[in-house]
Amino acid sequence: MSEVLKSLYGLAPKWNLIGLHLGVHSGILDTIAAKESDPDMRLLETIKTWLKGNYNEDKFGPPSWSSLTCAVDEVNKAAANKIRHQHGKVCYGFLCNTKFT
């Protein structure tokens, strides 16, 4: 998980949008917001929720670098490109769904 969080460095203010683009239900994000006031902790809890599979996996697929990159691309293209560069398994233009191991 630390590798995922390193990839998201500086994106904590956008934690809610990242969560929504990962398929985490808005009610779960509301619960995270109520429990945590710090954006870094909110992002951490959102990623933990996503990695545990507590989201709409049927629609968004299993946790992967591809799905993370797509979610980040919606809020910060430069950060998404950095993830693509660091994790060459991520495809451009389509999802290759390389699962986390």
Protein backbone atom coordinates (compact mmCIF):
# COMPACT_ATOMS: atom_id res chain seq x y z
CA MET A 1 0.00 0.00 0.00
CA SER A 2 2.89 2.39 0.62
CA GLU A 3 3.76 2.25 -3.08
CA VAL A 4 0.21 3.27 -3.96
CA LEU A 5 0.28 6.15 -1.47
CA LYS A 6 3.63 7.34 -2.80
CA SER A 7 2.05 7.48 -6.25
CA LEU A 8 -0.69 9.73 -4.84
CA TYR A 9 1.61 12.17 -3.07
CA GLY A 10 0.14 15.67 -3.12
CA LEU A 11 -3.32 14.55 -4.21
CA ALA A 12 -4.92 14.37 -0.76
CA PRO A 13 -7.10 17.47 -1.38
CA LYS A 14 -8.74 15.51 -4.24
CA TRP A 15 -9.31 12.36 -2.13
CA ASN A 16 -13.09 12.43 -2.62
CA LEU A 17 -12.92 12.65 -6.41
CA ILE A 18 -10.27 9.94 -6.57
CA GLY A 19 -12.50 7.73 -4.42
CA LEU A 20 -15.50 8.31 -6.65
CA HIS A 21 -13.45 7.54 -9.77
CA LEU A 22 -12.24 4.33 -8.12
CA GLY A 23 -15.86 3.32 -7.55
CA VAL A 24 -16.02 3.86 -3.79
CA HIS A 25 -19.65 4.61 -2.92
CA SER A 26 -20.40 8.19 -1.90
CA GLY A 27 -21.91 6.99 1.40
CA ILE A 28 -18.60 5.36 2.33
CA LEU A 29 -16.75 8.53 1.38
CA ASP A 30 -19.15 10.54 3.55
CA THR A 31 -18.38 8.21 6.47
CA ILE A 32 -14.65 8.68 5.91
CA ALA A 33 -15.14 12.46 5.83
CA ALA A 34 -17.09 12.35 9.09
CA LYS A 35 -14.40 10.27 10.84
CA GLU A 36 -11.30 12.02 9.49
CA SER A 37 -10.67 15.75 9.19
CA ASP A 38 -7.19 15.49 7.66
CA PRO A 39 -7.21 15.07 3.85
CA ASP A 40 -4.16 12.78 4.00
CA MET A 41 -6.01 10.44 6.37
CA ARG A 42 -9.11 10.63 4.19
CA LEU A 43 -7.07 9.58 1.17
CA LEU A 44 -5.46 6.76 3.16
CA GLU A 45 -8.85 5.45 4.30
CA THR A 46 -10.23 5.74 0.76
CA ILE A 47 -7.35 3.71 -0.67
CA LYS A 48 -7.67 1.12 2.11
CA THR A 49 -11.37 0.81 1.31
CA TRP A 50 -10.63 0.39 -2.39
CA LEU A 51 -7.86 -2.17 -1.87
CA LYS A 52 -10.13 -4.21 0.43
CA GLY A 53 -12.67 -4.41 -2.40
CA ASN A 54 -15.29 -2.29 -0.65
CA TYR A 55 -16.43 -0.50 -3.81
CA ASN A 56 -18.33 -1.21 -7.04
CA GLU A 57 -15.93 -3.90 -8.31
CA ASP A 58 -18.45 -5.18 -10.86
CA LYS A 59 -18.31 -1.86 -12.68
CA PHE A 60 -14.71 -0.79 -11.97
CA GLY A 61 -12.87 -4.13 -11.90
CA PRO A 62 -10.33 -5.31 -9.34
CA PRO A 63 -7.78 -2.91 -7.87
CA SER A 64 -5.02 -2.37 -10.44
CA TRP A 65 -2.48 0.20 -11.50
CA SER A 66 -4.67 0.80 -14.54
CA SER A 67 -7.78 1.63 -12.54
CA LEU A 68 -5.76 3.81 -10.16
CA THR A 69 -4.19 5.64 -13.10
CA CYS A 70 -7.59 6.21 -14.70
CA ALA A 71 -8.99 7.63 -11.46
CA VAL A 72 -5.99 9.91 -10.95
CA ASP A 73 -6.13 10.99 -14.59
CA GLU A 74 -9.55 12.49 -13.87
CA VAL A 75 -8.09 14.85 -11.25
CA ASN A 76 -4.43 15.33 -12.22
CA LYS A 77 -3.06 14.27 -15.60
CA ALA A 78 0.56 14.90 -14.63
CA ALA A 79 0.27 12.62 -11.60
CA ALA A 80 -1.40 9.96 -13.76
CA ASN A 81 1.44 10.18 -16.28
CA LYS A 82 3.95 9.78 -13.44
CA ILE A 83 2.19 6.58 -12.35
CA ARG A 84 2.26 5.35 -15.95
CA HIS A 85 5.97 6.08 -16.13
CA GLN A 86 6.75 4.35 -12.82
CA HIS A 87 4.62 1.29 -13.52
CA GLY A 88 5.18 0.36 -17.13
CA LYS A 89 2.47 -2.30 -16.90
CA VAL A 90 -0.13 0.44 -17.23
CA CYS A 91 -1.39 0.84 -20.76
CA TYR A 92 -2.22 4.03 -22.60
CA GLY A 93 -5.66 4.35 -24.16
CA PHE A 94 -7.17 1.24 -22.58
CA LEU A 95 -7.15 -0.70 -19.34
CA CYS A 96 -4.84 -3.65 -19.08
CA ASN A 97 -5.94 -4.24 -15.45
CA THR A 98 -2.59 -5.33 -14.07
CA LYS A 99 -3.60 -6.45 -10.59
CA PHE A 100 -1.72 -5.51 -7.47
CA THR A 101 0.20 -8.45 -6.05
